[in-house]
Amino acid sequence: MEKRASGVLMHISSLPGKFGIGTFGQPAYDFVDFLEETGQTYWQLLPLTTTSYGDSPYQSFSAVAGNVNFIDFDKLREDGLLKEEDYNTVSFGDNEEAVDYALLFKVRRPILEKAVANFLADEANIKVLAKFEKENDTWLDDYSEFMAIKEHFGHKGLQEWGDKKAIRRDEERLVHYRRLLADEINYYKVTQYFFFKQWLLLKAYANKKNIKIIGDMPIYVAKDSVEVWTMPELFKMDVDLEPLFVAGCPPDEFSDDGQLWGNPIYDWKSHRETGFAWWIYRIQESFKIYDILRIDHFKGFSDYWEIEGDSKTAKKGRWQPGPGIALFRAVQNVLGDLPIIAEDLGYVDDRARQLLKDTGFPGMKILEFGFYDLTGHSIDIPHHYTPNSVAYIGTHDNDVVNGWYDSLSVEQEEFVDAYTHRKPIEPVNQAMLRVLFATVSNTAILTMQDLLNKPSSSRMNTPSTIGSNWQWRMRAKDLTKDKKDFLSKLTKLYQRGNEENDKKTIY
């Protein structure tokens, strides 16, 4: 990521379409075409893994398995696995700008079950599945069994299953469930095949257009996950797989209680003893589906906030040392130099800065953060940026630029207007995008909501809240020619054009 370039942050779930949530269908291919047309180089996504309670892609049942909500029914029809009448009369939600996850949980499953049955009815597909199982034998069986047993217990969390022997992976009990739940296990295997087939075809299309995919890897896994079930020795857990300690952030100016994420804390001593084998594996798996990897909460590798497992808030915790550079040297020794972005936001101290420097990874700069301090001394004010960084107006955890600007004080708004040389009639989103693309950061990533000039209601996530996050979707009609032209001209003006796509002059 050494050359000047740009891209768009837009999760699959936010794509337009007729299935209530963005999928790997035609609108995704159209989005790639838009990126190519405007001279972009990168498409940045949120994690593609499964989601659980709260719908967050950062709380997944698996660090590897894909989110089957993204499977496109039209693509399954093209493969002969569905008929249009299997889904064209189903309501996937009334609001085209918001995902109704509860509804999708109910209505998508019967359609996918029909596709799975049709797939397994063909002997040739049985061989295809066997090949897929062999290629993914490090995780597919465990994941499918975990999800089938979880479903058997009413979708309850791992620690709440009504069978202690199943929780502790007693082999005799596992054999019992493999027999009892054979059809359900096959369902989870086949839908994972659908997911990866459709995603890898879409990624190949993007790569052919010279668009690279930036994927996202959460630092932690969920308490209710197949990794905790199959590898409890890698976490600080008790015998019933209850976390002894959980992750979060200490209190700060944004939260008096801090953030209680609830993810189990890693037993880093155990990871060191294995030579960080699981991390090497996890990163290797990530690069099978992404071109570049953003690692979330990079601070946690230098030191992390550890909270007692039964705490109700994140107030009472302690900083503990993380694995540091030893982890990334182990990864490099096996996998070589990798294109990784470090999400170095939040409480960043000297230890975290040193780790970032030692790895050489580009960190992140957030334009919104730079204007709270009216002195201009913030590390996120553009005149303090460095080339080896990735610049954003905000991330999925921040308000969109219009909502952010509306929340500022009069003095802060005046500072923004003066710094960006904003004209009286210029929308603030365009002024901020100008500054973003003008920075010295080698890479600039805009969020789609900001290009579309969307209000605060389009915000993707408000941390420490549940019930209204991860829902925003764009409408196809919102991406007008004038917005495309604005992005194209901005990209060329600040020399961020994709060299393969940038064939025209600025005007």
Protein backbone atom coordinates (compact mmCIF):
# COMPACT_ATOMS: atom_id res chain seq x y z
CA MET A 1 0.00 0.00 0.00
CA GLU A 2 2.92 2.34 -0.75
CA LYS A 3 1.38 4.14 -3.75
CA ARG A 4 -1.34 6.75 -3.35
CA ALA A 5 -4.69 5.05 -3.71
CA SER A 6 -8.22 5.12 -2.39
CA GLY A 7 -11.21 2.93 -1.78
CA VAL A 8 -14.63 2.59 -0.20
CA LEU A 9 -15.76 1.04 3.07
CA MET A 10 -19.06 -0.71 2.40
CA HIS A 11 -20.11 -3.98 4.02
CA ILE A 12 -21.86 -6.68 2.01
CA SER A 13 -24.93 -6.35 4.23
CA SER A 14 -25.30 -2.70 3.16
CA LEU A 15 -25.55 -3.40 -0.56
CA PRO A 16 -28.92 -2.81 -2.24
CA GLY A 17 -31.03 -5.68 -3.51
CA LYS A 18 -34.28 -7.57 -3.13
CA PHE A 19 -33.39 -10.05 -0.38
CA GLY A 20 -33.59 -7.80 2.68
CA ILE A 21 -29.81 -7.71 3.09
CA GLY A 22 -26.89 -7.25 0.74
CA THR A 23 -25.71 -10.49 -0.86
CA PHE A 24 -23.11 -11.80 -3.29
CA GLY A 25 -25.57 -11.22 -6.13
CA GLN A 26 -25.70 -8.78 -9.04
CA PRO A 27 -25.73 -5.60 -6.92
CA ALA A 28 -22.33 -6.66 -5.51
CA TYR A 29 -20.95 -6.99 -9.04
CA ASP A 30 -22.46 -3.60 -9.87
CA PHE A 31 -20.65 -2.15 -6.87
CA VAL A 32 -17.35 -3.49 -8.17
CA ASP A 33 -18.11 -1.83 -11.50
CA PHE A 34 -18.72 1.46 -9.65
CA LEU A 35 -15.34 1.14 -7.92
CA GLU A 36 -13.62 0.53 -11.25
CA GLU A 37 -15.50 3.38 -12.94
CA THR A 38 -14.42 5.90 -10.27
CA GLY A 39 -10.77 4.81 -10.23
CA GLN A 40 -10.80 3.11 -6.82
CA THR A 41 -8.31 0.45 -5.77
CA TYR A 42 -9.84 -0.98 -2.59
CA TRP A 43 -13.16 -2.34 -1.37
CA GLN A 44 -13.06 -2.54 2.42
CA LEU A 45 -15.47 -4.85 4.24
CA LEU A 46 -16.44 -5.66 7.80
CA PRO A 47 -15.86 -9.29 8.87
CA LEU A 48 -17.60 -11.81 6.61
CA THR A 49 -18.00 -14.30 9.45
CA THR A 50 -21.27 -15.41 11.03
CA THR A 51 -23.22 -13.13 13.34
CA SER A 52 -25.04 -13.97 16.55
CA TYR A 53 -27.12 -12.10 19.13
CA GLY A 54 -26.89 -8.38 18.41
CA ASP A 55 -26.07 -9.04 14.72
CA SER A 56 -22.49 -7.84 15.10
CA PRO A 57 -19.90 -9.23 12.67
CA TYR A 58 -17.41 -8.78 15.53
CA GLN A 59 -19.19 -11.45 17.63
CA SER A 60 -19.07 -14.59 15.53
CA PHE A 61 -19.75 -18.28 16.10
CA SER A 62 -16.56 -19.00 14.15
CA ALA A 63 -13.35 -17.20 13.20
CA VAL A 64 -13.50 -18.84 9.75
CA ALA A 65 -17.06 -19.77 8.72
CA GLY A 66 -18.96 -17.33 6.53
CA ASN A 67 -22.24 -15.49 7.06
CA VAL A 68 -24.88 -17.42 5.10
CA ASN A 69 -27.13 -14.34 4.97
CA PHE A 70 -24.89 -13.22 2.12
CA ILE A 71 -25.72 -16.23 -0.07
CA ASP A 72 -27.65 -14.95 -3.09
CA PHE A 73 -30.77 -16.85 -4.15
CA ASP A 74 -30.57 -15.74 -7.78
CA LYS A 75 -27.10 -17.27 -7.97
CA LEU A 76 -28.44 -20.51 -6.50
CA ARG A 77 -31.18 -20.44 -9.16
CA GLU A 78 -28.55 -19.99 -11.86
CA ASP A 79 -26.85 -23.11 -10.46
CA GLY A 80 -30.10 -25.05 -10.78
CA LEU A 81 -30.59 -25.35 -7.02
CA LEU A 82 -33.67 -23.14 -6.70
CA LYS A 83 -36.60 -22.02 -8.80
CA GLU A 84 -37.67 -18.39 -8.79
CA GLU A 85 -41.00 -19.32 -7.24
CA ASP A 86 -39.10 -20.70 -4.24
CA TYR A 87 -38.39 -17.16 -3.08
CA ASN A 88 -39.98 -14.47 -5.26
CA THR A 89 -43.16 -14.20 -3.15
CA VAL A 90 -41.32 -14.14 0.20
CA SER A 91 -41.16 -10.83 2.08
CA PHE A 92 -37.63 -10.07 3.26
CA GLY A 93 -38.56 -6.77 4.92
CA ASP A 94 -40.42 -3.57 4.17
CA ASN A 95 -37.63 -1.06 4.76
CA GLU A 96 -35.15 -1.03 1.88
CA GLU A 97 -32.69 1.05 3.93
CA ALA A 98 -32.54 -1.24 6.98
CA VAL A 99 -31.93 -4.95 7.55
CA ASP A 100 -34.57 -6.85 9.56
CA TYR A 101 -32.36 -9.59 10.99
CA ALA A 102 -35.13 -11.29 12.99
CA LEU A 103 -37.24 -11.64 9.86
CA LEU A 104 -34.34 -12.94 7.78
CA PHE A 105 -33.58 -15.55 10.45
CA LYS A 106 -37.08 -16.97 9.89
CA VAL A 107 -37.58 -16.67 6.14
CA ARG A 108 -34.16 -17.49 4.67
CA ARG A 109 -33.71 -20.88 6.32
CA PRO A 110 -36.50 -22.77 4.47
CA ILE A 111 -35.21 -21.46 1.14
CA LEU A 112 -31.66 -22.50 1.91
CA GLU A 113 -32.86 -25.91 3.11
CA LYS A 114 -34.54 -26.45 -0.28
CA ALA A 115 -31.32 -25.50 -2.07
CA VAL A 116 -29.31 -27.86 0.15
CA ALA A 117 -31.73 -30.73 -0.53
CA ASN A 118 -31.52 -30.14 -4.28
CA PHE A 119 -27.73 -29.97 -4.07
CA LEU A 120 -27.44 -33.26 -2.17
CA ALA A 121 -29.84 -34.99 -4.58
CA ASP A 122 -27.19 -34.87 -7.30
CA GLU A 123 -24.45 -37.50 -6.99
CA ALA A 124 -21.94 -35.20 -8.70
CA ASN A 125 -22.47 -32.61 -5.97
CA ILE A 126 -21.69 -35.20 -3.30
CA LYS A 127 -18.20 -35.43 -4.78
CA VAL A 128 -17.94 -31.62 -4.90
CA LEU A 129 -18.88 -31.44 -1.23
CA ALA A 130 -16.35 -34.14 -0.33
CA LYS A 131 -13.64 -32.09 -2.02
CA PHE A 132 -14.76 -28.97 -0.13
CA GLU A 133 -14.74 -30.92 3.15
CA LYS A 134 -11.21 -32.15 2.52
CA GLU A 135 -9.95 -28.68 1.63
CA ASN A 136 -11.49 -27.26 4.83
CA ASP A 137 -11.00 -30.14 7.23
CA THR A 138 -9.32 -27.90 9.81
CA TRP A 139 -12.62 -26.21 10.70
CA LEU A 140 -15.68 -27.35 8.72
CA ASP A 141 -16.59 -30.49 10.69
CA ASP A 142 -16.18 -28.79 14.06
CA TYR A 143 -18.17 -25.74 12.97
CA SER A 144 -21.03 -27.77 11.49
CA GLU A 145 -21.29 -29.99 14.56
CA PHE A 146 -21.16 -26.96 16.87
CA MET A 147 -23.95 -25.19 15.01
CA ALA A 148 -26.13 -28.31 14.77
CA ILE A 149 -25.83 -29.03 18.50
CA LYS A 150 -26.41 -25.36 19.28
CA GLU A 151 -29.59 -25.47 17.19
CA HIS A 152 -30.63 -28.66 18.99
CA PHE A 153 -30.52 -26.72 22.26
CA GLY A 154 -32.71 -23.92 20.96
CA HIS A 155 -29.82 -21.78 19.65
CA LYS A 156 -28.66 -21.14 23.20
CA GLY A 157 -25.09 -20.12 23.91
CA LEU A 158 -22.48 -22.85 24.33
CA GLN A 159 -22.35 -22.48 28.10
CA GLU A 160 -26.14 -22.90 28.33
CA TRP A 161 -26.46 -26.18 26.46
CA GLY A 162 -28.40 -28.72 28.48
CA ASP A 163 -25.66 -31.34 28.24
CA LYS A 164 -22.42 -30.87 30.20
CA LYS A 165 -20.78 -33.74 28.35
CA ALA A 166 -21.47 -32.06 25.02
CA ILE A 167 -20.04 -28.79 26.32
CA ARG A 168 -16.88 -30.62 27.39
CA ARG A 169 -16.74 -32.59 24.11
CA ASP A 170 -17.14 -36.08 25.53
CA GLU A 171 -16.45 -38.27 22.50
CA GLU A 172 -19.32 -40.68 23.19
CA ARG A 173 -21.77 -37.77 23.31
CA LEU A 174 -20.35 -36.28 20.12
CA VAL A 175 -20.86 -39.59 18.31
CA HIS A 176 -24.48 -39.55 19.53
CA TYR A 177 -25.09 -36.06 18.18
CA ARG A 178 -23.39 -36.80 14.88
CA ARG A 179 -25.94 -39.55 14.31
CA LEU A 180 -28.92 -37.65 15.67
CA LEU A 181 -28.16 -34.41 13.82
CA ALA A 182 -26.66 -35.73 10.57
CA ASP A 183 -29.07 -33.75 8.36
CA GLU A 184 -28.47 -30.50 10.26
CA ILE A 185 -24.71 -31.00 10.12
CA ASN A 186 -24.92 -31.46 6.36
CA TYR A 187 -27.01 -28.30 6.09
CA TYR A 188 -24.25 -26.26 7.73
CA LYS A 189 -21.57 -27.85 5.54
CA VAL A 190 -23.41 -27.26 2.28
CA THR A 191 -24.35 -23.67 3.08
CA GLN A 192 -20.70 -22.97 3.82
CA TYR A 193 -19.90 -24.38 0.39
CA PHE A 194 -22.47 -22.00 -1.13
CA PHE A 195 -20.98 -19.07 0.78
CA PHE A 196 -17.38 -19.63 -0.26
CA LYS A 197 -18.23 -20.48 -3.85
CA GLN A 198 -20.21 -17.27 -4.31
CA TRP A 199 -17.74 -15.08 -2.41
CA LEU A 200 -14.64 -16.33 -4.22
CA LEU A 201 -16.34 -15.78 -7.60
CA LEU A 202 -17.18 -12.21 -6.59
CA LYS A 203 -13.66 -11.61 -5.31
CA ALA A 204 -12.20 -12.97 -8.56
CA TYR A 205 -14.39 -10.52 -10.48
CA ALA A 206 -13.14 -7.65 -8.34
CA ASN A 207 -9.51 -8.71 -8.71
CA LYS A 208 -9.94 -8.97 -12.47
CA LYS A 209 -11.05 -5.33 -12.39
CA ASN A 210 -7.90 -4.56 -10.35
CA ILE A 211 -9.94 -3.98 -7.18
CA LYS A 212 -8.39 -5.42 -4.02
CA ILE A 213 -10.42 -6.58 -1.04
CA ILE A 214 -9.56 -5.28 2.44
CA GLY A 215 -10.96 -7.74 4.96
CA ASP A 216 -11.38 -7.28 8.70
CA MET A 217 -10.25 -9.63 11.47
CA PRO A 218 -11.51 -9.05 15.02
CA ILE A 219 -8.80 -9.59 17.62
CA TYR A 220 -11.09 -11.64 19.87
CA VAL A 221 -13.52 -14.50 19.30
CA ALA A 222 -16.92 -14.81 20.92
CA LYS A 223 -17.61 -16.66 24.17
CA ASP A 224 -20.22 -18.61 22.19
CA SER A 225 -17.91 -19.90 19.47
CA VAL A 226 -16.55 -23.10 18.05
CA GLU A 227 -13.01 -22.02 18.97
CA VAL A 228 -13.90 -21.83 22.68
CA TRP A 229 -15.63 -25.22 22.37
CA THR A 230 -12.77 -27.03 20.59
CA MET A 231 -9.71 -25.15 21.88
CA PRO A 232 -10.48 -23.97 25.44
CA GLU A 233 -6.81 -24.25 26.35
CA LEU A 234 -6.15 -21.12 24.28
CA PHE A 235 -8.38 -19.02 26.57
CA LYS A 236 -8.64 -18.24 30.26
CA MET A 237 -11.70 -20.42 30.96
CA ASP A 238 -13.04 -22.64 33.73
CA VAL A 239 -14.05 -26.30 33.18
CA ASP A 240 -17.56 -25.28 32.08
CA LEU A 241 -16.10 -22.91 29.47
CA GLU A 242 -17.11 -19.81 31.40
CA PRO A 243 -14.54 -17.01 30.93
CA LEU A 244 -12.43 -16.23 33.97
CA PHE A 245 -11.64 -12.88 32.38
CA VAL A 246 -13.23 -10.91 29.55
CA ALA A 247 -12.14 -8.15 27.19
CA GLY A 248 -13.14 -4.52 27.02
CA CYS A 249 -11.89 -0.95 27.34
CA PRO A 250 -11.44 1.18 30.48
CA PRO A 251 -13.55 4.28 31.18
CA ASP A 252 -12.70 7.32 29.05
CA GLU A 253 -14.20 10.62 27.97
CA PHE A 254 -16.81 8.75 25.94
CA SER A 255 -17.95 6.27 28.62
CA ASP A 256 -17.86 6.43 32.42
CA ASP A 257 -18.19 2.64 32.64
CA GLY A 258 -15.84 1.77 29.80
CA GLN A 259 -16.80 -0.89 27.26
CA LEU A 260 -17.54 -4.45 28.39
CA TRP A 261 -17.19 -6.57 25.27
CA GLY A 262 -17.47 -9.92 27.04
CA ASN A 263 -15.07 -11.82 24.76
CA PRO A 264 -12.88 -14.38 26.55
CA ILE A 265 -9.27 -13.36 27.09
CA TYR A 266 -6.51 -15.36 25.43
CA ASP A 267 -4.10 -17.42 27.49
CA TRP A 268 -1.06 -15.96 25.79
CA LYS A 269 1.29 -18.34 27.61
CA SER A 270 -0.43 -21.25 25.88
CA HIS A 271 -0.21 -19.49 22.50
CA ARG A 272 3.52 -18.90 22.95
CA GLU A 273 4.08 -22.56 23.78
CA THR A 274 2.56 -23.53 20.42
CA GLY A 275 4.61 -20.97 18.53
CA PHE A 276 1.40 -18.99 17.93
CA ALA A 277 0.20 -21.79 15.65
CA TRP A 278 -3.49 -20.82 15.86
CA TRP A 279 -2.74 -17.20 14.96
CA ILE A 280 -0.64 -18.28 12.00
CA TYR A 281 -3.49 -20.51 10.88
CA ARG A 282 -6.13 -17.82 11.41
CA ILE A 283 -4.23 -15.22 9.42
CA GLN A 284 -3.47 -17.74 6.69
CA GLU A 285 -7.19 -18.55 6.39
CA SER A 286 -7.98 -14.83 6.19
CA PHE A 287 -5.68 -14.35 3.21
CA LYS A 288 -7.53 -17.10 1.35
CA ILE A 289 -10.50 -14.74 1.05
CA TYR A 290 -8.96 -11.24 1.33
CA ASP A 291 -6.12 -9.40 -0.40
CA ILE A 292 -5.31 -7.14 2.57
CA LEU A 293 -6.16 -7.69 6.23
CA ARG A 294 -7.19 -5.07 8.76
CA ILE A 295 -6.62 -6.33 12.31
CA ASP A 296 -9.08 -4.84 14.77
CA HIS A 297 -7.99 -3.51 18.21
CA PHE A 298 -4.26 -3.77 17.49
CA LYS A 299 -3.63 -2.22 20.90
CA GLY A 300 -4.57 -5.59 22.44
CA PHE A 301 -1.37 -7.16 21.14
CA SER A 302 0.83 -4.75 23.09
CA ASP A 303 -1.34 -4.75 26.22
CA TYR A 304 -5.01 -5.30 26.91
CA TRP A 305 -7.68 -4.42 29.46
CA GLU A 306 -8.55 -7.56 31.46
CA ILE A 307 -11.84 -7.63 33.40
CA GLU A 308 -13.10 -10.23 35.88
CA GLY A 309 -15.48 -12.61 34.12
CA ASP A 310 -18.47 -11.79 36.36
CA SER A 311 -18.07 -8.00 36.21
CA LYS A 312 -21.08 -5.93 35.12
CA THR A 313 -19.01 -3.01 33.81
CA ALA A 314 -15.50 -2.47 32.47
CA LYS A 315 -14.56 -0.06 35.27
CA LYS A 316 -12.59 -2.55 37.34
CA GLY A 317 -9.89 -4.06 35.21
CA ARG A 318 -6.15 -4.06 34.74
CA TRP A 319 -3.70 -3.66 31.91
CA GLN A 320 -1.92 -6.91 31.03
CA PRO A 321 0.96 -7.39 28.58
CA GLY A 322 0.08 -8.88 25.22
CA PRO A 323 2.30 -11.07 23.02
CA GLY A 324 3.98 -8.09 21.37
CA ILE A 325 6.22 -8.37 18.36
CA ALA A 326 6.91 -12.08 19.01
CA LEU A 327 3.50 -12.96 17.54
CA PHE A 328 4.05 -11.05 14.31
CA ARG A 329 7.58 -12.36 13.89
CA ALA A 330 6.21 -15.89 14.20
CA VAL A 331 3.61 -15.10 11.54
CA GLN A 332 6.22 -13.54 9.28
CA ASN A 333 8.56 -16.51 9.65
CA VAL A 334 5.87 -18.85 8.32
CA LEU A 335 3.80 -16.69 5.97
CA GLY A 336 6.29 -14.01 4.90
CA ASP A 337 5.57 -10.29 4.63
CA LEU A 338 1.83 -9.68 4.52
CA PRO A 339 -0.24 -6.58 3.65
CA ILE A 340 -1.79 -5.83 7.06
CA ILE A 341 -3.45 -2.66 8.39
CA ALA A 342 -3.31 -2.11 12.14
CA GLU A 343 -6.39 -0.60 13.77
CA ASP A 344 -4.41 1.41 16.30
CA LEU A 345 -7.27 3.49 17.69
CA GLY A 346 -8.48 4.08 21.23
CA TYR A 347 -6.02 4.26 24.12
CA VAL A 348 -2.67 4.31 22.30
CA ASP A 349 0.41 4.54 24.53
CA ASP A 350 4.15 4.17 23.97
CA ARG A 351 3.93 0.36 24.02
CA ALA A 352 1.31 0.34 21.28
CA ARG A 353 3.23 2.90 19.21
CA GLN A 354 6.40 0.85 19.50
CA LEU A 355 4.65 -2.33 18.40
CA LEU A 356 3.22 -0.57 15.35
CA LYS A 357 6.67 0.76 14.52
CA ASP A 358 8.27 -2.67 14.97
CA THR A 359 5.79 -4.36 12.62
CA GLY A 360 5.97 -1.65 10.00
CA PHE A 361 2.23 -1.94 9.42
CA PRO A 362 0.33 1.20 8.43
CA GLY A 363 -1.90 2.51 11.20
CA MET A 364 -5.20 4.36 10.90
CA LYS A 365 -5.97 8.08 11.02
CA ILE A 366 -9.51 9.28 11.73
CA LEU A 367 -10.31 12.72 10.38
CA GLU A 368 -13.26 13.27 12.73
CA PHE A 369 -11.02 12.86 15.78
CA GLY A 370 -8.73 15.64 14.64
CA PHE A 371 -11.19 18.48 15.16
CA TYR A 372 -12.19 18.04 18.79
CA ASP A 373 -8.96 19.73 19.90
CA LEU A 374 -9.12 23.34 18.71
CA THR A 375 -5.36 23.79 19.10
CA GLY A 376 -4.58 21.66 16.04
CA HIS A 377 -2.27 19.39 18.05
CA SER A 378 -4.32 16.19 17.65
CA ILE A 379 -2.49 13.23 16.09
CA ASP A 380 -5.55 12.87 13.86
CA ILE A 381 -5.41 16.37 12.39
CA PRO A 382 -4.29 15.94 8.75
CA HIS A 383 -1.11 18.05 8.98
CA HIS A 384 0.26 15.41 11.39
CA TYR A 385 -0.40 12.42 9.11
CA THR A 386 2.41 10.29 7.71
CA PRO A 387 2.48 8.46 4.37
CA ASN A 388 2.51 4.99 5.99
CA SER A 389 -1.09 5.25 7.18
CA VAL A 390 -4.66 4.70 6.07
CA ALA A 391 -6.90 7.76 6.43
CA TYR A 392 -10.63 7.66 7.10
CA ILE A 393 -13.25 10.29 7.93
CA GLY A 394 -14.63 7.75 10.43
CA THR A 395 -15.01 4.01 10.89
CA HIS A 396 -18.08 1.81 11.30
CA ASP A 397 -18.03 2.73 15.02
CA ASN A 398 -18.23 6.49 14.37
CA ASP A 399 -21.10 8.66 13.26
CA VAL A 400 -21.32 9.52 9.58
CA VAL A 401 -19.87 12.93 8.76
CA ASN A 402 -23.21 14.76 8.75
CA GLY A 403 -24.20 13.44 12.17
CA TRP A 404 -20.71 14.11 13.52
CA TYR A 405 -20.70 17.71 12.26
CA ASP A 406 -24.15 18.37 13.73
CA SER A 407 -22.89 17.21 17.15
CA LEU A 408 -19.98 19.70 17.23
CA SER A 409 -19.89 22.92 19.17
CA VAL A 410 -20.07 26.20 17.26
CA GLU A 411 -16.32 26.69 17.79
CA GLN A 412 -15.55 23.20 16.48
CA GLU A 413 -17.75 23.73 13.41
CA GLU A 414 -15.92 26.99 12.69
CA PHE A 415 -12.60 25.16 13.04
CA VAL A 416 -13.73 22.48 10.56
CA ASP A 417 -14.96 25.07 8.07
CA ALA A 418 -11.75 27.08 8.28
CA TYR A 419 -9.44 24.05 8.09
CA THR A 420 -11.23 22.54 5.10
CA HIS A 421 -11.62 25.93 3.33
CA ARG A 422 -15.28 25.06 3.07
CA LYS A 423 -17.30 27.33 0.83
CA PRO A 424 -20.68 28.56 2.17
CA ILE A 425 -22.67 26.43 -0.25
CA GLU A 426 -20.43 23.37 -0.08
CA PRO A 427 -21.88 20.32 1.76
CA VAL A 428 -19.71 19.35 4.71
CA ASN A 429 -19.37 15.79 3.43
CA GLN A 430 -17.69 17.05 0.25
CA ALA A 431 -15.39 19.37 2.16
CA MET A 432 -14.26 16.56 4.45
CA LEU A 433 -13.80 14.17 1.53
CA ARG A 434 -11.59 16.74 -0.18
CA VAL A 435 -9.37 16.96 2.88
CA LEU A 436 -9.32 13.18 3.27
CA PHE A 437 -8.11 12.61 -0.28
CA ALA A 438 -5.59 15.46 -0.04
CA THR A 439 -3.78 13.96 2.98
CA VAL A 440 -0.28 12.50 2.63
CA SER A 441 -1.60 9.11 3.76
CA ASN A 442 -0.85 6.59 1.04
CA THR A 443 -4.36 5.22 1.31
CA ALA A 444 -7.67 7.03 1.82
CA ILE A 445 -10.86 5.08 2.50
CA LEU A 446 -14.24 6.77 2.45
CA THR A 447 -17.41 5.33 3.93
CA MET A 448 -20.25 4.97 1.46
CA GLN A 449 -22.66 6.92 3.67
CA ASP A 450 -20.40 9.97 3.46
CA LEU A 451 -20.21 9.88 -0.31
CA LEU A 452 -24.00 9.58 -0.46
CA ASN A 453 -24.40 12.50 1.98
CA LYS A 454 -26.49 10.40 4.36
CA PRO A 455 -27.80 11.55 7.78
CA SER A 456 -26.89 10.17 11.20
CA SER A 457 -29.59 7.49 10.91
CA SER A 458 -27.31 5.65 8.47
CA ARG A 459 -24.64 5.12 11.12
CA MET A 460 -23.49 1.50 11.12
CA ASN A 461 -22.73 1.00 14.82
CA THR A 462 -22.95 2.83 18.12
CA PRO A 463 -20.62 0.99 20.54
CA SER A 464 -22.09 -0.42 23.78
CA THR A 465 -25.63 -0.45 22.34
CA ILE A 466 -27.73 -3.34 20.99
CA GLY A 467 -30.83 -3.39 18.82
CA SER A 468 -30.31 -0.81 16.09
CA ASN A 469 -26.82 -1.48 14.77
CA TRP A 470 -25.45 -3.04 11.56
CA GLN A 471 -28.73 -2.34 9.75
CA TRP A 472 -28.03 0.40 7.21
CA ARG A 473 -28.41 -0.34 3.51
CA MET A 474 -27.97 1.93 0.54
CA ARG A 475 -30.58 2.22 -2.20
CA ALA A 476 -29.33 1.76 -5.74
CA LYS A 477 -30.93 5.06 -6.77
CA ASP A 478 -28.83 6.94 -4.18
CA LEU A 479 -25.65 6.42 -6.19
CA THR A 480 -26.30 9.11 -8.76
CA LYS A 481 -24.10 10.21 -11.64
CA ASP A 482 -23.12 13.43 -9.87
CA LYS A 483 -21.84 11.47 -6.86
CA LYS A 484 -19.85 9.15 -9.11
CA ASP A 485 -18.42 12.13 -10.98
CA PHE A 486 -17.47 13.85 -7.73
CA LEU A 487 -15.56 10.78 -6.52
CA SER A 488 -13.89 10.26 -9.91
CA LYS A 489 -12.65 13.86 -10.04
CA LEU A 490 -11.50 13.80 -6.42
CA THR A 491 -9.59 10.57 -7.01
CA LYS A 492 -7.81 11.94 -10.08
CA LEU A 493 -7.16 15.38 -8.61
CA TYR A 494 -5.26 13.97 -5.64
CA GLN A 495 -3.52 11.27 -7.71
CA ARG A 496 -5.18 8.32 -6.03
CA GLY A 497 -6.48 6.72 -9.22
CA ASN A 498 -6.10 3.02 -9.81
CA GLU A 499 -3.42 2.90 -12.49
CA GLU A 500 -5.24 0.21 -14.43
CA ASN A 501 -8.51 2.15 -14.39
CA ASP A 502 -7.31 5.77 -14.47
CA LYS A 503 -7.30 6.43 -18.21
CA LYS A 504 -9.08 9.78 -18.37
CA THR A 505 -8.09 13.33 -17.55
CA ILE A 506 -9.58 15.16 -14.59
CA TYR A 507 -11.99 17.36 -16.54
